[in-house]
Protein backbone atom coordinates (compact mmCIF):
# COMPACT_ATOMS: atom_id res chain seq x y z
CA MET A 1 0.10 43.34 -65.86
CA GLY A 2 2.13 45.27 -67.76
CA SER A 3 5.88 44.29 -68.19
CA ILE A 4 9.40 46.07 -69.15
CA ARG A 5 11.04 44.75 -72.17
CA ALA A 6 13.91 45.60 -74.45
CA ARG A 7 14.18 46.74 -78.12
CA SER A 8 15.95 44.07 -80.18
CA GLU A 9 17.99 45.99 -82.45
CA THR A 10 18.71 48.59 -79.65
CA SER A 11 18.68 46.66 -76.51
CA LYS A 12 17.00 49.65 -74.66
CA LEU A 13 14.38 49.16 -72.41
CA TYR A 14 10.90 50.48 -72.78
CA PHE A 15 7.63 50.15 -70.64
CA ASP A 16 4.76 48.08 -71.95
CA PHE A 17 1.49 48.10 -69.92
CA ARG A 18 -2.47 49.02 -70.42
CA TYR A 19 -4.03 51.94 -69.51
CA ARG A 20 -7.91 52.58 -70.08
CA ASN A 21 -7.94 49.94 -71.96
CA LYS A 22 -5.01 51.01 -74.70
CA ARG A 23 -2.07 49.11 -74.68
CA CYS A 24 0.84 51.97 -74.02
CA ARG A 25 4.46 51.49 -74.62
CA GLU A 26 6.85 54.30 -73.55
CA GLN A 27 10.67 54.03 -74.82
CA THR A 28 13.29 54.46 -72.27
CA ASN A 29 16.83 55.65 -72.84
CA LEU A 30 18.01 53.04 -70.68
CA THR A 31 20.16 49.70 -71.85
CA ASP A 32 19.00 46.28 -70.66
CA THR A 33 21.10 45.67 -67.98
CA PRO A 34 19.84 43.74 -64.40
CA ALA A 35 20.19 46.53 -62.89
CA ASN A 36 17.85 49.05 -65.00
CA ARG A 37 15.29 46.57 -65.13
CA ARG A 38 15.16 46.42 -61.68
CA LYS A 39 14.73 50.60 -61.55
CA LEU A 40 11.87 50.16 -64.02
CA GLU A 41 9.98 47.55 -62.77
CA LYS A 42 9.52 49.41 -59.53
CA MET A 43 8.33 52.59 -61.68
CA LEU A 44 5.98 50.18 -63.31
CA GLU A 45 4.60 48.67 -60.36
CA ARG A 46 3.93 52.55 -58.61
CA ILE A 47 2.36 53.14 -62.11
CA GLU A 48 -0.15 49.98 -62.18
CA ALA A 49 -0.57 50.83 -58.25
CA GLU A 50 -1.71 54.57 -59.43
CA ILE A 51 -3.81 53.24 -61.85
CA VAL A 52 -5.68 50.50 -60.10
CA LEU A 53 -6.36 53.73 -57.68
CA GLY A 54 -7.32 56.12 -59.71
CA SER A 55 -4.76 58.61 -59.18
CA PHE A 56 -2.45 58.02 -62.45
CA GLU A 57 -1.09 61.02 -64.32
CA TYR A 58 0.20 59.68 -67.77
CA SER A 59 1.85 63.27 -68.33
CA ARG A 60 3.67 63.21 -64.87
CA TYR A 61 5.37 59.88 -65.60
CA PHE A 62 5.64 60.63 -69.63
CA PRO A 63 5.63 64.20 -70.13
CA ASN A 64 6.57 63.91 -74.10
CA SER A 65 4.81 61.23 -75.15
CA LYS A 66 2.05 61.70 -77.69
CA LEU A 67 -0.49 59.75 -75.18
CA ALA A 68 0.17 62.42 -72.09
CA GLN A 69 -2.60 64.68 -73.87
CA GLN A 70 -4.88 61.90 -75.00
CA PHE A 71 -5.18 60.70 -71.59
CA SER A 72 -5.19 64.28 -69.94
CA ILE A 73 -8.82 64.19 -70.71
CA PRO A 74 -10.89 62.06 -68.55
CA ALA A 75 -12.82 59.01 -69.89
CA HIS A 76 -15.96 59.88 -71.40
CA GLY A 77 -15.51 63.74 -71.70
CA GLY A 78 -15.77 64.35 -67.78
CA ARG A 79 -15.33 63.70 -64.52
CA VAL A 80 -13.84 60.28 -64.25
CA GLY A 81 -16.74 58.52 -62.84
CA ASN A 82 -17.32 54.66 -61.11
CA SER A 83 -16.93 53.23 -64.55
CA ASN A 84 -13.16 53.88 -64.21
CA LEU A 85 -12.31 52.93 -60.80
CA PRO A 86 -11.12 49.73 -59.91
CA THR A 87 -12.65 46.51 -59.12
CA PHE A 88 -13.10 45.31 -55.43
CA LYS A 89 -10.39 42.97 -55.73
CA ASP A 90 -7.59 44.90 -57.50
CA PHE A 91 -8.33 47.63 -54.55
CA ALA A 92 -8.62 45.22 -51.78
CA GLU A 93 -5.05 43.88 -52.80
CA ILE A 94 -3.44 47.40 -52.76
CA TRP A 95 -5.20 47.68 -49.27
CA TYR A 96 -4.06 44.88 -47.70
CA ASP A 97 -0.01 45.41 -49.00
CA GLU A 98 -0.48 48.59 -47.34
CA ILE A 99 -1.93 47.25 -44.11
CA LYS A 100 -0.53 43.96 -43.35
CA VAL A 101 3.11 45.91 -42.32
CA SER A 102 0.93 46.84 -38.62
CA TRP A 103 -0.60 43.05 -38.38
CA ARG A 104 1.13 40.06 -36.86
CA MET A 105 1.78 37.10 -38.97
CA SER A 106 -1.04 35.21 -37.22
CA TYR A 107 -3.97 37.92 -38.11
CA ARG A 108 -2.54 38.04 -41.83
CA ARG A 109 -2.91 34.32 -42.11
CA THR A 110 -6.58 34.89 -41.03
CA ILE A 111 -7.40 37.65 -43.01
CA ARG A 112 -5.81 36.26 -46.36
CA PRO A 113 -7.84 33.03 -46.48
CA ILE A 114 -11.12 34.99 -45.72
CA LEU A 115 -10.09 37.26 -48.84
CA ASP A 116 -9.18 34.46 -51.23
CA ASN A 117 -12.19 31.81 -50.12
CA ARG A 118 -15.26 33.90 -50.10
CA ILE A 119 -15.19 37.77 -50.21
CA TYR A 120 -13.49 37.38 -53.91
CA GLN A 121 -15.71 34.76 -55.14
CA TYR A 122 -18.50 37.01 -54.51
CA PHE A 123 -17.25 40.56 -54.73
CA GLY A 124 -13.85 40.46 -56.86
CA GLU A 125 -14.91 41.36 -60.22
CA MET A 126 -17.33 44.01 -59.29
CA ASN A 127 -16.58 48.14 -59.30
CA VAL A 128 -15.48 49.15 -55.56
CA ALA A 129 -17.96 52.11 -55.77
CA GLU A 130 -20.78 49.87 -57.09
CA ILE A 131 -21.24 47.55 -54.18
CA LYS A 132 -24.28 48.28 -52.35
CA LYS A 133 -25.77 47.60 -48.83
CA ALA A 134 -28.48 45.07 -50.25
CA ASP A 135 -25.13 43.19 -52.09
CA LEU A 136 -23.36 42.99 -48.52
CA LEU A 137 -26.77 41.84 -46.92
CA THR A 138 -27.17 39.34 -49.64
CA PHE A 139 -23.71 38.12 -48.92
CA ARG A 140 -23.85 37.80 -45.16
CA ALA A 141 -27.14 35.72 -45.82
CA SER A 142 -25.21 33.25 -47.87
CA LEU A 143 -22.29 33.04 -45.61
CA SER A 144 -25.32 31.68 -42.89
CA LYS A 145 -26.27 29.20 -44.91
CA GLU A 146 -22.28 27.69 -45.42
CA SER A 147 -21.64 24.71 -43.74
CA GLY A 148 -18.59 25.28 -41.23
CA ARG A 149 -16.68 23.03 -38.78
CA ASN A 150 -18.52 19.64 -38.11
CA LYS A 151 -21.54 21.01 -40.79
CA LYS A 152 -22.98 23.48 -38.37
CA GLY A 153 -22.72 26.17 -40.52
CA LEU A 154 -20.75 29.32 -39.92
CA SER A 155 -20.82 30.91 -36.58
CA ALA A 156 -22.19 34.63 -35.92
CA SER A 157 -18.52 35.71 -34.92
CA HIS A 158 -16.69 33.92 -38.08
CA ILE A 159 -19.56 35.54 -40.07
CA ASN A 160 -18.70 39.09 -38.16
CA ARG A 161 -15.05 38.47 -39.10
CA HIS A 162 -16.50 38.56 -43.02
CA MET A 163 -18.31 41.60 -42.42
CA LYS A 164 -15.54 43.41 -40.64
CA VAL A 165 -12.88 42.78 -43.51
CA MET A 166 -15.20 43.95 -46.24
CA ARG A 167 -16.25 47.15 -44.02
CA MET A 168 -12.65 48.16 -43.39
CA ILE A 169 -11.76 47.98 -47.18
CA LEU A 170 -15.06 49.56 -48.60
CA THR A 171 -14.37 52.72 -45.98
CA GLU A 172 -10.85 53.40 -47.11
CA ALA A 173 -12.24 52.71 -50.89
CA ALA A 174 -15.00 55.42 -49.91
CA ASP A 175 -12.76 57.88 -48.26
CA ARG A 176 -9.61 57.76 -51.35
CA PHE A 177 -12.60 57.86 -54.38
CA GLU A 178 -15.40 60.23 -52.78
CA PHE A 179 -18.07 57.77 -52.60
CA THR A 180 -20.53 56.70 -49.56
CA SER A 181 -19.58 53.52 -47.62
CA PRO A 182 -22.65 51.40 -47.93
CA PHE A 183 -22.01 49.99 -44.79
CA GLN A 184 -24.86 52.21 -43.42
CA ASN A 185 -26.69 50.48 -40.34
CA ILE A 186 -24.81 47.27 -40.96
CA ARG A 187 -24.48 45.87 -37.45
CA PRO A 188 -22.93 42.64 -36.58
CA LEU A 189 -24.66 39.91 -35.39
CA LYS A 190 -25.42 38.99 -31.84
CA ILE A 191 -23.07 36.53 -30.52
CA GLN A 192 -24.15 34.30 -27.81
CA LYS A 193 -22.68 34.93 -24.17
CA SER A 194 -20.81 32.06 -23.31
CA ASP A 195 -20.04 31.33 -19.20
CA VAL A 196 -16.69 30.54 -18.12
CA ASP A 197 -15.95 27.28 -17.27
CA PRO A 198 -13.16 27.04 -14.80
CA PHE A 199 -11.88 23.97 -12.95
CA THR A 200 -12.74 23.43 -9.37
CA LEU A 201 -9.56 22.87 -6.68
CA ASP A 202 -11.16 19.04 -6.66
CA GLU A 203 -10.92 18.97 -10.56
CA ILE A 204 -7.36 20.58 -10.48
CA ASN A 205 -5.76 18.35 -7.61
CA LEU A 206 -6.92 15.40 -9.98
CA ILE A 207 -5.49 16.45 -13.14
CA LEU A 208 -2.24 17.38 -11.58
CA LYS A 209 -1.96 14.13 -9.53
CA THR A 210 -2.66 11.74 -12.79
CA VAL A 211 -1.31 13.69 -15.66
CA ARG A 212 2.05 12.39 -17.06
CA GLN A 213 5.27 13.65 -15.07
CA ASP A 214 6.49 14.77 -18.12
CA TYR A 215 3.57 17.71 -18.34
CA ARG A 216 2.84 17.92 -15.08
CA ASN A 217 5.05 21.46 -14.37
CA TYR A 218 3.46 22.40 -17.71
CA TYR A 219 -0.25 22.20 -16.31
CA THR A 220 0.72 23.32 -12.74
CA ILE A 221 1.72 26.58 -14.25
CA ARG A 222 -1.09 26.91 -16.28
CA PHE A 223 -3.45 26.63 -13.70
CA PHE A 224 -1.90 29.01 -11.16
CA THR A 225 -0.62 31.80 -13.91
CA GLY A 226 -3.13 32.43 -15.78
CA MET A 227 -1.35 32.28 -18.92
CA ARG A 228 -2.44 31.86 -22.53
CA THR A 229 -1.45 29.44 -24.63
CA GLY A 230 0.60 31.02 -26.78
CA GLU A 231 2.61 32.55 -23.71
CA ILE A 232 3.37 29.42 -21.89
CA ASP A 233 4.01 27.87 -25.19
CA GLY A 234 6.70 30.67 -26.29
CA LEU A 235 8.11 31.12 -22.70
CA LYS A 236 11.87 31.31 -22.70
CA TRP A 237 14.25 30.86 -19.97
CA ARG A 238 15.12 34.35 -20.29
CA TYR A 239 11.96 35.82 -19.23
CA VAL A 240 11.82 33.28 -16.03
CA ASP A 241 13.39 35.44 -13.02
CA PHE A 242 13.71 33.11 -10.18
CA ASN A 243 14.98 35.97 -8.17
CA ARG A 244 12.22 38.09 -8.12
CA ARG A 245 10.09 35.40 -8.49
CA GLN A 246 8.43 36.59 -11.56
CA ILE A 247 7.52 35.65 -15.17
CA LEU A 248 8.03 38.12 -17.74
CA ILE A 249 5.44 37.72 -20.47
CA ARG A 250 7.16 39.51 -23.42
CA GLU A 251 6.40 37.13 -26.14
CA THR A 252 3.74 34.44 -27.78
CA ILE A 253 4.22 31.84 -30.18
CA VAL A 254 1.27 31.59 -32.94
CA LEU A 255 1.55 29.21 -35.53
CA GLY A 256 4.84 28.27 -34.33
CA GLN A 257 6.70 31.99 -35.10
CA THR A 258 7.34 34.09 -31.71
CA GLU A 259 5.99 37.25 -31.68
CA TYR A 260 4.78 40.31 -29.96
CA THR A 261 1.82 39.66 -26.85
CA LYS A 262 -1.84 39.89 -28.12
CA THR A 263 -1.53 43.76 -26.98
CA ASP A 264 0.62 46.11 -25.22
CA GLY A 265 -1.25 45.57 -22.16
CA SER A 266 -0.50 41.71 -22.17
CA GLN A 267 3.18 42.69 -21.62
CA ARG A 268 3.41 42.34 -17.73
CA GLU A 269 5.18 40.12 -15.13
CA ILE A 270 3.08 37.39 -13.28
CA ASP A 271 4.12 36.74 -9.37
CA MET A 272 5.35 33.40 -8.77
CA SER A 273 3.13 31.58 -5.82
CA GLN A 274 4.97 28.52 -4.55
CA PRO A 275 3.63 25.68 -6.66
CA VAL A 276 4.97 27.84 -9.29
CA TYR A 277 7.92 28.43 -8.46
CA ASP A 278 8.69 25.13 -7.46
CA ALA A 279 7.27 23.94 -10.75
CA LEU A 280 9.74 26.12 -12.90
CA LYS A 281 12.68 25.12 -10.96
CA ALA A 282 11.99 21.48 -11.37
CA GLN A 283 11.39 22.07 -15.09
CA TYR A 284 14.48 23.79 -15.35
CA HIS A 285 16.44 20.24 -14.72
CA HIS A 286 15.36 19.01 -17.89
CA THR A 287 15.09 21.53 -20.21
CA GLY A 288 17.35 24.18 -18.45
CA ASP A 289 20.08 24.36 -21.09
CA GLN A 290 17.58 25.14 -24.18
CA LYS A 291 15.60 28.18 -24.95
CA TYR A 292 12.43 27.09 -24.32
CA VAL A 293 10.95 26.05 -21.02
CA PHE A 294 8.79 23.48 -22.57
CA THR A 295 9.57 21.95 -25.53
CA THR A 296 9.74 18.63 -27.82
CA ASN A 297 12.19 16.44 -27.94
CA ALA A 298 13.40 17.87 -30.38
CA GLY A 299 14.05 20.78 -28.69
CA THR A 300 11.49 22.47 -30.29
CA PRO A 301 8.33 24.72 -28.67
CA LEU A 302 5.29 22.61 -27.65
CA SER A 303 2.61 22.44 -30.78
CA HIS A 304 -0.90 23.49 -28.76
CA ASN A 305 -2.61 21.67 -31.32
CA ASN A 306 -0.97 18.20 -30.88
CA VAL A 307 -0.70 18.63 -27.00
CA THR A 308 -4.16 19.27 -26.50
CA LYS A 309 -5.14 16.42 -28.89
CA ARG A 310 -2.75 13.93 -27.39
CA ILE A 311 -2.40 14.93 -23.77
CA TRP A 312 -5.41 17.25 -22.51
CA TYR A 313 -8.63 15.95 -24.02
CA PRO A 314 -7.15 12.12 -23.59
CA LEU A 315 -6.67 13.19 -19.61
CA LEU A 316 -10.31 14.58 -19.03
CA ARG A 317 -11.91 11.62 -20.69
CA TYR A 318 -9.61 9.45 -18.84
CA LEU A 319 -10.64 10.99 -15.39
CA ASP A 320 -14.73 11.25 -16.43
CA LEU A 321 -14.05 15.13 -16.44
CA ARG A 322 -16.47 17.62 -18.22
CA LYS A 323 -14.39 18.00 -21.67
CA ARG A 324 -12.63 22.15 -21.52
CA ARG A 325 -10.86 23.71 -23.79
CA PRO A 326 -7.09 24.41 -22.35
CA TYR A 327 -7.72 27.98 -22.09
CA GLN A 328 -10.48 27.21 -19.29
CA THR A 329 -7.18 26.98 -17.11
CA ARG A 330 -6.65 30.91 -17.54
CA HIS A 331 -9.96 31.16 -16.79
CA THR A 332 -9.40 28.80 -13.72
CA ALA A 333 -6.65 30.92 -12.26
CA ALA A 334 -8.84 34.20 -12.20
CA THR A 335 -11.35 32.27 -10.16
CA LEU A 336 -8.94 31.02 -7.66
CA TRP A 337 -7.38 34.16 -7.34
CA LEU A 338 -10.71 36.28 -6.96
CA ALA A 339 -12.28 33.08 -4.17
CA ALA A 340 -8.63 33.93 -2.32
CA GLY A 341 -9.78 37.55 -2.16
CA GLU A 342 -7.07 39.00 -3.91
CA ASN A 343 -7.36 42.83 -5.14
CA PRO A 344 -9.09 43.14 -8.08
CA GLU A 345 -6.41 45.26 -9.79
CA TRP A 346 -3.38 42.78 -8.76
CA ILE A 347 -5.24 40.09 -10.46
CA ALA A 348 -5.71 42.19 -13.92
CA ARG A 349 -2.10 43.12 -14.22
CA GLN A 350 -2.05 39.32 -13.51
CA MET A 351 -4.20 38.28 -16.51
CA GLY A 352 -2.70 41.26 -18.57
CA HIS A 353 -5.58 43.61 -18.39
CA THR A 354 -5.25 47.26 -18.30
CA THR A 355 -8.34 47.84 -16.29
CA THR A 356 -10.39 45.74 -14.21
CA GLU A 357 -13.63 46.18 -16.35
CA MET A 358 -13.07 42.56 -18.45
CA LEU A 359 -12.32 41.16 -14.87
CA PHE A 360 -15.70 41.81 -13.25
CA ARG A 361 -17.65 41.40 -16.78
CA VAL A 362 -16.61 38.01 -16.96
CA TYR A 363 -16.17 36.62 -13.50
CA SER A 364 -18.78 38.76 -11.64
CA ARG A 365 -20.23 35.79 -10.10
CA TYR A 366 -16.62 34.46 -8.79
CA VAL A 367 -15.93 37.47 -6.84
CA PRO A 368 -16.24 37.29 -2.71
CA ASN A 369 -15.19 40.39 -0.20
CA LEU A 370 -12.07 41.91 -1.84
CA THR A 371 -9.54 42.61 0.84
CA ARG A 372 -5.47 41.14 -0.34
CA SER A 373 -3.40 42.95 -2.92
CA ASP A 374 0.14 41.12 -2.84
CA GLY A 375 -0.51 37.20 -3.60
CA SER A 376 -0.44 36.03 -0.40
CA ALA A 377 -4.11 35.07 -0.11
CA ILE A 378 -3.77 32.70 -2.92
CA GLU A 379 -0.63 31.02 -1.24
CA ASN A 380 -3.09 30.25 1.57
CA LEU A 381 -5.86 28.69 -0.46
CA ILE A 382 -3.11 26.48 -2.49
CA ALA A 383 -1.31 25.73 0.81
CA GLN A 384 -4.75 24.43 2.29
CA ASN A 385 -5.96 22.15 -0.77
CA PHE A 386 -2.73 21.27 -2.34
CA SER A 387 -0.03 19.25 -2.02
CA PHE A 388 2.87 19.11 -4.37
CA ASN A 389 6.00 17.10 -4.86
CA ASN A 390 8.08 17.65 -7.86
CA GLU A 391 10.14 14.59 -7.51
CA GLU A 392 10.62 12.19 -10.71
CA ASP A 393 7.54 9.42 -10.53
CA ASP A 394 9.22 6.48 -11.48
CA SER A 395 5.45 4.90 -11.43
CA ASP A 396 3.91 4.01 -14.61
CA GLU A 397 2.24 7.10 -16.32
CA SER A 398 -0.99 7.67 -17.75
């Protein structure tokens, strides 16, 4: 790691860094001031980045230096070979800094531990161009033997995520340094398809009648809108349009931070059925003077982990219902719309899908004859199976 130093006798700043295993010190005419240090530190950052990437030209920065001519000759007297390319970790850090600006903060928090906890430990000091296909396969095999959550080993999807990161980094390195990427015919591990497990009408009725009063509106909206957890937990009153009876999905909350929705297609308007409209009206009496629709006692957005562990799973156990993730409420909304006979394109829009392809692939066995296209069919289905009362319940809460 280089630095900017000052001559004690002149107070003039100079560069102090290493290039091709040689210490390089280059004098400047700038005096030692905070502004000049910042200027040279930025230049030094560029120099070190170019050294890592193999694109540094000494004479371009220091044309009058005695070292410029020496470094104009490639190492080993010929074409710069693999030995002069960066280590995997050095290049990966450059790659990460360049690409992270295009990622959501939650995705950065997913990728960073993958790099630090496993990939760097295995590949960090290897030359980026000398990683072979056999190395990648051995790494993947080692991941399959590690213990994950509940000591069951890492899942295929988790292993694939590590390999995807490796593929992105090595593909970029191969393009920059003109070598062949070792990712040849390495396919992702097969992930076992899991069926959706929506709740039945009777189960929904039972849950909404039994859940704590302060969470009844919350779960009513989850069951009848198909909103993702981050979308409902991050819902703000500014995005609730009672006049048009729509919920505008514009943001999501992930790890406590408000972000753009999962994809562009997730930006959508959800039509309020009558139970959803009534639940939001009732909720407005409690939190209408706050930013978020559903909040903690302190006025902050709900923490999905807290709600799941303290409200959702205990309720399912109490009702002797099969344990299912809260995300199944989204699948439940989709299957209810399908059972009611709503038009697939309308359902896809409500779910935030850009096409109906995923709808048919995931929910094919729930697709009956489809005729409606305006949301009225679900109104009829709900009216026939549910009775809603949003008045405050003063009885003991379970």
